[in-house]
Amino acid sequence: MITALAAYLALFLAAFLAATIVPAQSEAVLVGLILADKQPLLLLLLVATTGNALGSVVNWLLGRFIEHFRDRPWFPVSPEKLARAEAWYRRFGVWSLLLSWVPIIGDPLTVVAGVLKTPFLTFLALVTLAKAGRYIVLAVVTLGVIG
């Protein structure tokens, strides 16, 4: 039981951190747990998706409430990445959040969604869909490779 709980906690933390500015590899943790075949796949996908979506909520909150600190050195996204993400977001709108899972552009997009005051429930729905989709595809590929 403790081992299972530790596995879920490690996956949640890796997924949460991977959605923020902290470098983490939630995909590697998920693949390892899928290959270990000790926890139900659906529960692993739920934990990974929840952690990753909540990490993106942190980014949205950063953008929403501390945007006026964007020029500070500790701000989580460089001015160049933020400007690029804002341009992308303005061009494609909230649907660009479906790319929130993509490395490099995904995290700035979630910050920009907060900066541009995207409604929280819209943000959460699109980001959760994107994050879940990525993990589902990863699971299918992982199981297809070993199956």
C-alpha atoms as a PDB file:
ATOM      1  CA  MET A   1       0.000   0.000   0.000  1.00  0.00           C
ATOM      2  CA  ILE A   2       2.770   2.466   0.900  1.00  0.00           C
ATOM      3  CA  THR A   3       4.592   1.587  -2.316  1.00  0.00           C
ATOM      4  CA  ALA A   4       1.476   2.314  -4.387  1.00  0.00           C
ATOM      5  CA  LEU A   5       0.894   5.574  -2.544  1.00  0.00           C
ATOM      6  CA  ALA A   6       4.536   6.569  -3.102  1.00  0.00           C
ATOM      7  CA  ALA A   7       4.191   5.789  -6.813  1.00  0.00           C
ATOM      8  CA  TYR A   8       1.071   7.935  -7.133  1.00  0.00           C
ATOM      9  CA  LEU A   9       2.659  10.745  -5.133  1.00  0.00           C
ATOM     10  CA  ALA A  10       5.830  10.662  -7.252  1.00  0.00           C
ATOM     11  CA  LEU A  11       3.754  10.736 -10.438  1.00  0.00           C
ATOM     12  CA  PHE A  12       1.576  13.583  -9.163  1.00  0.00           C
ATOM     13  CA  LEU A  13       4.589  15.661  -8.112  1.00  0.00           C
ATOM     14  CA  ALA A  14       6.462  15.019 -11.356  1.00  0.00           C
ATOM     15  CA  ALA A  15       3.384  15.962 -13.390  1.00  0.00           C
ATOM     16  CA  PHE A  16       2.690  19.029 -11.259  1.00  0.00           C
ATOM     17  CA  LEU A  17       6.269  20.274 -11.426  1.00  0.00           C
ATOM     18  CA  ALA A  18       6.544  19.542 -15.148  1.00  0.00           C
ATOM     19  CA  ALA A  19       3.704  22.006 -15.785  1.00  0.00           C
ATOM     20  CA  THR A  20       5.510  24.776 -13.916  1.00  0.00           C
ATOM     21  CA  ILE A  21       8.937  26.276 -14.505  1.00  0.00           C
ATOM     22  CA  VAL A  22      10.630  23.487 -12.571  1.00  0.00           C
ATOM     23  CA  PRO A  23      12.226  20.965 -14.927  1.00  0.00           C
ATOM     24  CA  ALA A  24      10.625  17.564 -14.414  1.00  0.00           C
ATOM     25  CA  GLN A  25       9.865  14.594 -16.637  1.00  0.00           C
ATOM     26  CA  SER A  26       6.409  13.322 -15.843  1.00  0.00           C
ATOM     27  CA  GLU A  27       6.363  11.260 -19.041  1.00  0.00           C
ATOM     28  CA  ALA A  28       9.315   9.175 -17.872  1.00  0.00           C
ATOM     29  CA  VAL A  29       7.667   8.547 -14.505  1.00  0.00           C
ATOM     30  CA  LEU A  30       4.365   7.590 -16.135  1.00  0.00           C
ATOM     31  CA  VAL A  31       6.019   5.242 -18.640  1.00  0.00           C
ATOM     32  CA  GLY A  32       8.002   3.603 -15.838  1.00  0.00           C
ATOM     33  CA  LEU A  33       4.851   3.032 -13.805  1.00  0.00           C
ATOM     34  CA  ILE A  34       2.961   1.705 -16.824  1.00  0.00           C
ATOM     35  CA  LEU A  35       5.777  -0.725 -17.551  1.00  0.00           C
ATOM     36  CA  ALA A  36       5.891  -1.824 -13.899  1.00  0.00           C
ATOM     37  CA  ASP A  37       2.224  -2.826 -14.317  1.00  0.00           C
ATOM     38  CA  LYS A  38       1.458  -2.596 -10.597  1.00  0.00           C
ATOM     39  CA  GLN A  39      -1.141   0.196 -10.609  1.00  0.00           C
ATOM     40  CA  PRO A  40      -4.318   0.488 -12.690  1.00  0.00           C
ATOM     41  CA  LEU A  41      -3.649   2.431 -15.888  1.00  0.00           C
ATOM     42  CA  LEU A  42      -6.750   4.577 -15.533  1.00  0.00           C
ATOM     43  CA  LEU A  43      -5.700   5.701 -12.066  1.00  0.00           C
ATOM     44  CA  LEU A  44      -2.182   6.516 -13.292  1.00  0.00           C
ATOM     45  CA  LEU A  45      -3.647   8.628 -16.107  1.00  0.00           C
ATOM     46  CA  LEU A  46      -5.977  10.393 -13.682  1.00  0.00           C
ATOM     47  CA  VAL A  47      -3.155  11.205 -11.244  1.00  0.00           C
ATOM     48  CA  ALA A  48      -0.814  12.433 -13.992  1.00  0.00           C
ATOM     49  CA  THR A  49      -3.515  14.561 -15.622  1.00  0.00           C
ATOM     50  CA  THR A  50      -4.631  16.053 -12.319  1.00  0.00           C
ATOM     51  CA  GLY A  51      -1.092  16.929 -11.275  1.00  0.00           C
ATOM     52  CA  ASN A  52      -0.209  18.437 -14.645  1.00  0.00           C
ATOM     53  CA  ALA A  53      -3.446  20.433 -14.895  1.00  0.00           C
ATOM     54  CA  LEU A  54      -2.989  21.793 -11.368  1.00  0.00           C
ATOM     55  CA  GLY A  55       0.568  22.806 -12.220  1.00  0.00           C
ATOM     56  CA  SER A  56      -0.853  24.779 -15.139  1.00  0.00           C
ATOM     57  CA  VAL A  57      -3.327  26.410 -12.762  1.00  0.00           C
ATOM     58  CA  VAL A  58      -0.302  27.738 -10.852  1.00  0.00           C
ATOM     59  CA  ASN A  59       0.911  29.295 -14.110  1.00  0.00           C
ATOM     60  CA  TRP A  60      -2.529  30.801 -14.780  1.00  0.00           C
ATOM     61  CA  LEU A  61      -2.559  32.287 -11.278  1.00  0.00           C
ATOM     62  CA  LEU A  62       0.941  33.690 -11.779  1.00  0.00           C
ATOM     63  CA  GLY A  63      -0.183  35.348 -14.982  1.00  0.00           C
ATOM     64  CA  ARG A  64      -3.469  36.526 -13.546  1.00  0.00           C
ATOM     65  CA  PHE A  65      -2.220  38.067 -10.353  1.00  0.00           C
ATOM     66  CA  ILE A  66       1.412  39.012 -10.745  1.00  0.00           C
ATOM     67  CA  GLU A  67       1.597  40.022 -14.402  1.00  0.00           C
ATOM     68  CA  HIS A  68       2.761  43.479 -13.369  1.00  0.00           C
ATOM     69  CA  PHE A  69       5.977  41.835 -12.153  1.00  0.00           C
ATOM     70  CA  ARG A  70       6.789  40.503 -15.635  1.00  0.00           C
ATOM     71  CA  ASP A  71      10.031  42.513 -15.800  1.00  0.00           C
ATOM     72  CA  ARG A  72      11.414  41.047 -12.584  1.00  0.00           C
ATOM     73  CA  PRO A  73      14.238  38.513 -12.924  1.00  0.00           C
ATOM     74  CA  TRP A  74      12.324  35.871 -10.930  1.00  0.00           C
ATOM     75  CA  PHE A  75       9.265  35.981 -13.214  1.00  0.00           C
ATOM     76  CA  PRO A  76       8.714  32.400 -14.467  1.00  0.00           C
ATOM     77  CA  VAL A  77       8.748  33.196 -18.192  1.00  0.00           C
ATOM     78  CA  SER A  78      11.288  35.264 -20.108  1.00  0.00           C
ATOM     79  CA  PRO A  79       9.966  38.470 -21.736  1.00  0.00           C
ATOM     80  CA  GLU A  80      10.690  37.025 -25.190  1.00  0.00           C
ATOM     81  CA  LYS A  81       8.790  33.790 -24.547  1.00  0.00           C
ATOM     82  CA  LEU A  82       5.927  35.704 -22.964  1.00  0.00           C
ATOM     83  CA  ALA A  83       5.672  38.098 -25.929  1.00  0.00           C
ATOM     84  CA  ARG A  84       5.739  35.168 -28.377  1.00  0.00           C
ATOM     85  CA  ALA A  85       3.085  33.312 -26.382  1.00  0.00           C
ATOM     86  CA  GLU A  86       0.907  36.454 -26.150  1.00  0.00           C
ATOM     87  CA  ALA A  87       1.076  36.905 -29.929  1.00  0.00           C
ATOM     88  CA  TRP A  88       0.194  33.255 -30.464  1.00  0.00           C
ATOM     89  CA  TYR A  89      -2.618  33.423 -27.919  1.00  0.00           C
ATOM     90  CA  ARG A  90      -4.068  36.603 -29.408  1.00  0.00           C
ATOM     91  CA  ARG A  91      -3.962  35.064 -32.872  1.00  0.00           C
ATOM     92  CA  PHE A  92      -5.512  31.688 -32.012  1.00  0.00           C
ATOM     93  CA  GLY A  93      -7.443  32.532 -28.834  1.00  0.00           C
ATOM     94  CA  VAL A  94      -8.329  30.157 -26.056  1.00  0.00           C
ATOM     95  CA  TRP A  95      -8.079  27.165 -28.400  1.00  0.00           C
ATOM     96  CA  SER A  96      -4.309  27.583 -28.293  1.00  0.00           C
ATOM     97  CA  LEU A  97      -4.555  26.128 -24.781  1.00  0.00           C
ATOM     98  CA  LEU A  98      -5.003  22.753 -26.469  1.00  0.00           C
ATOM     99  CA  LEU A  99      -1.253  23.069 -27.082  1.00  0.00           C
ATOM    100  CA  SER A 100      -0.512  23.548 -23.383  1.00  0.00           C
ATOM    101  CA  TRP A 101       1.068  20.084 -23.313  1.00  0.00           C
ATOM    102  CA  VAL A 102       3.733  21.029 -25.873  1.00  0.00           C
ATOM    103  CA  PRO A 103       7.241  21.525 -24.455  1.00  0.00           C
ATOM    104  CA  ILE A 104       8.633  25.080 -24.502  1.00  0.00           C
ATOM    105  CA  ILE A 105       5.401  26.823 -25.622  1.00  0.00           C
ATOM    106  CA  GLY A 106       2.898  25.164 -23.302  1.00  0.00           C
ATOM    107  CA  ASP A 107       3.946  26.751 -20.018  1.00  0.00           C
ATOM    108  CA  PRO A 108       4.120  30.313 -21.388  1.00  0.00           C
ATOM    109  CA  LEU A 109       0.692  29.828 -22.969  1.00  0.00           C
ATOM    110  CA  THR A 110      -0.802  28.980 -19.588  1.00  0.00           C
ATOM    111  CA  VAL A 111       0.810  32.052 -18.022  1.00  0.00           C
ATOM    112  CA  VAL A 112      -0.485  34.224 -20.867  1.00  0.00           C
ATOM    113  CA  ALA A 113      -3.972  32.815 -20.361  1.00  0.00           C
ATOM    114  CA  GLY A 114      -3.827  34.287 -16.869  1.00  0.00           C
ATOM    115  CA  VAL A 115      -2.337  37.575 -18.073  1.00  0.00           C
ATOM    116  CA  LEU A 116      -5.117  37.940 -20.639  1.00  0.00           C
ATOM    117  CA  LYS A 117      -7.721  36.962 -18.049  1.00  0.00           C
ATOM    118  CA  THR A 118      -9.050  33.837 -19.695  1.00  0.00           C
ATOM    119  CA  PRO A 119     -12.036  32.633 -17.650  1.00  0.00           C
ATOM    120  CA  PHE A 120     -10.819  30.006 -15.198  1.00  0.00           C
ATOM    121  CA  LEU A 121     -13.322  27.262 -16.083  1.00  0.00           C
ATOM    122  CA  THR A 122     -12.601  27.640 -19.803  1.00  0.00           C
ATOM    123  CA  PHE A 123      -8.888  27.511 -19.053  1.00  0.00           C
ATOM    124  CA  LEU A 124      -9.212  24.456 -16.817  1.00  0.00           C
ATOM    125  CA  ALA A 125     -11.374  22.521 -19.288  1.00  0.00           C
ATOM    126  CA  LEU A 126      -9.080  23.091 -22.270  1.00  0.00           C
ATOM    127  CA  VAL A 127      -5.853  22.493 -20.366  1.00  0.00           C
ATOM    128  CA  THR A 128      -7.175  19.329 -18.713  1.00  0.00           C
ATOM    129  CA  LEU A 129      -8.316  18.002 -22.089  1.00  0.00           C
ATOM    130  CA  ALA A 130      -4.888  18.723 -23.602  1.00  0.00           C
ATOM    131  CA  LYS A 131      -2.945  17.211 -20.707  1.00  0.00           C
ATOM    132  CA  ALA A 132      -5.150  14.101 -20.570  1.00  0.00           C
ATOM    133  CA  GLY A 133      -4.827  13.637 -24.323  1.00  0.00           C
ATOM    134  CA  ARG A 134      -1.045  13.734 -24.137  1.00  0.00           C
ATOM    135  CA  TYR A 135      -0.912  11.145 -21.355  1.00  0.00           C
ATOM    136  CA  ILE A 136      -3.430   8.881 -23.103  1.00  0.00           C
ATOM    137  CA  VAL A 137      -1.387   8.930 -26.317  1.00  0.00           C
ATOM    138  CA  LEU A 138       1.756   8.227 -24.307  1.00  0.00           C
ATOM    139  CA  ALA A 139       0.070   5.258 -22.614  1.00  0.00           C
ATOM    140  CA  VAL A 140      -1.212   3.873 -25.920  1.00  0.00           C
ATOM    141  CA  VAL A 141       2.266   4.169 -27.468  1.00  0.00           C
ATOM    142  CA  THR A 142       3.879   2.597 -24.400  1.00  0.00           C
ATOM    143  CA  LEU A 143       1.443  -0.318 -24.359  1.00  0.00           C
ATOM    144  CA  GLY A 144       1.683  -0.713 -28.138  1.00  0.00           C
ATOM    145  CA  VAL A 145       5.450  -0.980 -27.956  1.00  0.00           C
ATOM    146  CA  ILE A 146       5.375  -3.670 -25.286  1.00  0.00           C
ATOM    147  CA  GLY A 147       2.113  -5.322 -26.390  1.00  0.00           C
END
